[in-house]
Amino acid sequence: MNNISFLLEKYSKIGLKEEKIKKIISDSIKKGSGVEVDISKIKVQKNIININDVFGVQKSEIFMNKNKIDEIMKEQMNKEEYKFSDRELM
């Protein structure tokens, strides 16, 4: 998921709330791997994602599907950028 660090930096600069970013990450993991991760277990610091309390098979599922998860996150964050840009224009 290193490929999305530039997106995390970009969206923190334009003001996308951390909770919204965590929700996108959680939803992307669910869609990409089937693993449910509570947003309270996700930490985003210095554009690095840390997921706590995920072990064993769940961790393996996330790792094996990381490219798919990455693509889903990029799509979702780009959708959020357009929503943010539209609000700025109003």
Protein backbone atom coordinates (compact mmCIF):
# COMPACT_ATOMS: atom_id res chain seq x y z
CA MET A 1 0.00 0.00 0.00
CA ASN A 2 3.01 2.25 -0.36
CA ASN A 3 1.61 3.43 -3.69
CA ILE A 4 -1.07 5.51 -1.98
CA SER A 5 1.21 7.51 0.32
CA PHE A 6 1.25 10.37 -2.18
CA LEU A 7 -2.58 10.37 -2.13
CA LEU A 8 -2.65 10.47 1.66
CA GLU A 9 -0.36 13.48 1.63
CA LYS A 10 -2.40 15.19 -1.08
CA TYR A 11 -5.73 14.73 0.70
CA SER A 12 -4.42 15.82 4.06
CA LYS A 13 -3.25 19.02 2.36
CA ILE A 14 -6.64 19.74 0.78
CA GLY A 15 -8.41 19.11 4.06
CA LEU A 16 -9.96 15.68 3.69
CA LYS A 17 -10.75 14.70 7.26
CA GLU A 18 -8.77 11.88 8.85
CA GLU A 19 -11.97 10.02 9.76
CA LYS A 20 -13.07 10.10 6.11
CA ILE A 21 -9.67 8.78 5.01
CA LYS A 22 -9.94 5.97 7.59
CA LYS A 23 -13.44 5.14 6.33
CA ILE A 24 -12.16 4.92 2.76
CA ILE A 25 -9.30 2.66 3.89
CA SER A 26 -11.66 0.42 5.87
CA ASP A 27 -14.18 0.18 3.02
CA SER A 28 -11.42 -0.53 0.48
CA ILE A 29 -10.00 -3.35 2.61
CA LYS A 30 -13.49 -4.84 2.95
CA LYS A 31 -14.17 -4.64 -0.81
CA GLY A 32 -10.71 -5.83 -1.80
CA SER A 33 -10.16 -8.67 0.67
CA GLY A 34 -13.39 -9.31 2.54
CA VAL A 35 -11.71 -8.41 5.85
CA GLU A 36 -13.60 -5.96 8.05
CA VAL A 37 -11.37 -3.47 9.84
CA ASP A 38 -12.88 -1.04 12.34
CA ILE A 39 -11.74 2.52 11.69
CA SER A 40 -10.64 2.80 15.31
CA LYS A 41 -7.93 0.22 14.49
CA ILE A 42 -6.52 2.33 11.64
CA LYS A 43 -3.86 4.95 12.21
CA VAL A 44 -2.53 7.28 9.54
CA GLN A 45 0.68 9.01 10.54
CA LYS A 46 3.11 10.76 8.23
CA ASN A 47 1.19 9.25 5.29
CA ILE A 48 1.78 5.70 6.50
CA ILE A 49 -1.15 3.40 7.23
CA ASN A 50 -0.97 1.18 10.31
CA ILE A 51 -3.71 -1.34 11.05
CA ASN A 52 -3.76 -2.69 14.60
CA ASP A 53 -5.29 -5.92 15.90
CA VAL A 54 -5.30 -7.75 12.57
CA PHE A 55 -3.66 -11.16 12.74
CA GLY A 56 -3.37 -14.51 11.01
CA VAL A 57 -5.65 -15.19 8.08
CA GLN A 58 -7.03 -11.66 8.00
CA LYS A 59 -3.55 -10.18 7.76
CA SER A 60 -2.70 -12.65 4.99
CA GLU A 61 -5.88 -11.75 3.07
CA ILE A 62 -5.02 -8.07 3.23
CA PHE A 63 -1.45 -8.73 2.12
CA MET A 64 -2.45 -11.03 -0.75
CA ASN A 65 -4.99 -8.49 -2.02
CA LYS A 66 -2.94 -5.34 -1.39
CA ASN A 67 -2.81 -4.34 -5.07
CA LYS A 68 -6.58 -4.66 -5.42
CA ILE A 69 -7.10 -2.74 -2.17
CA ASP A 70 -4.68 -0.07 -3.38
CA GLU A 71 -6.65 0.41 -6.61
CA ILE A 72 -9.96 0.63 -4.77
CA MET A 73 -8.50 3.24 -2.39
CA LYS A 74 -7.20 5.31 -5.29
CA GLU A 75 -10.63 5.26 -6.94
CA GLN A 76 -12.41 6.21 -3.72
CA MET A 77 -9.98 9.00 -2.84
CA ASN A 78 -10.22 10.43 -6.34
CA LYS A 79 -14.02 10.48 -5.99
CA GLU A 80 -13.60 12.36 -2.72
CA GLU A 81 -11.30 14.86 -4.40
CA TYR A 82 -14.02 15.72 -6.92
CA LYS A 83 -16.58 16.12 -4.14
CA PHE A 84 -14.17 18.37 -2.27
CA SER A 85 -13.40 20.40 -5.40
CA ASP A 86 -17.10 20.83 -6.16
CA ARG A 87 -17.72 22.23 -2.66
CA GLU A 88 -14.85 24.66 -3.11
CA LEU A 89 -16.42 26.01 -6.29
CA MET A 90 -19.74 26.84 -4.61
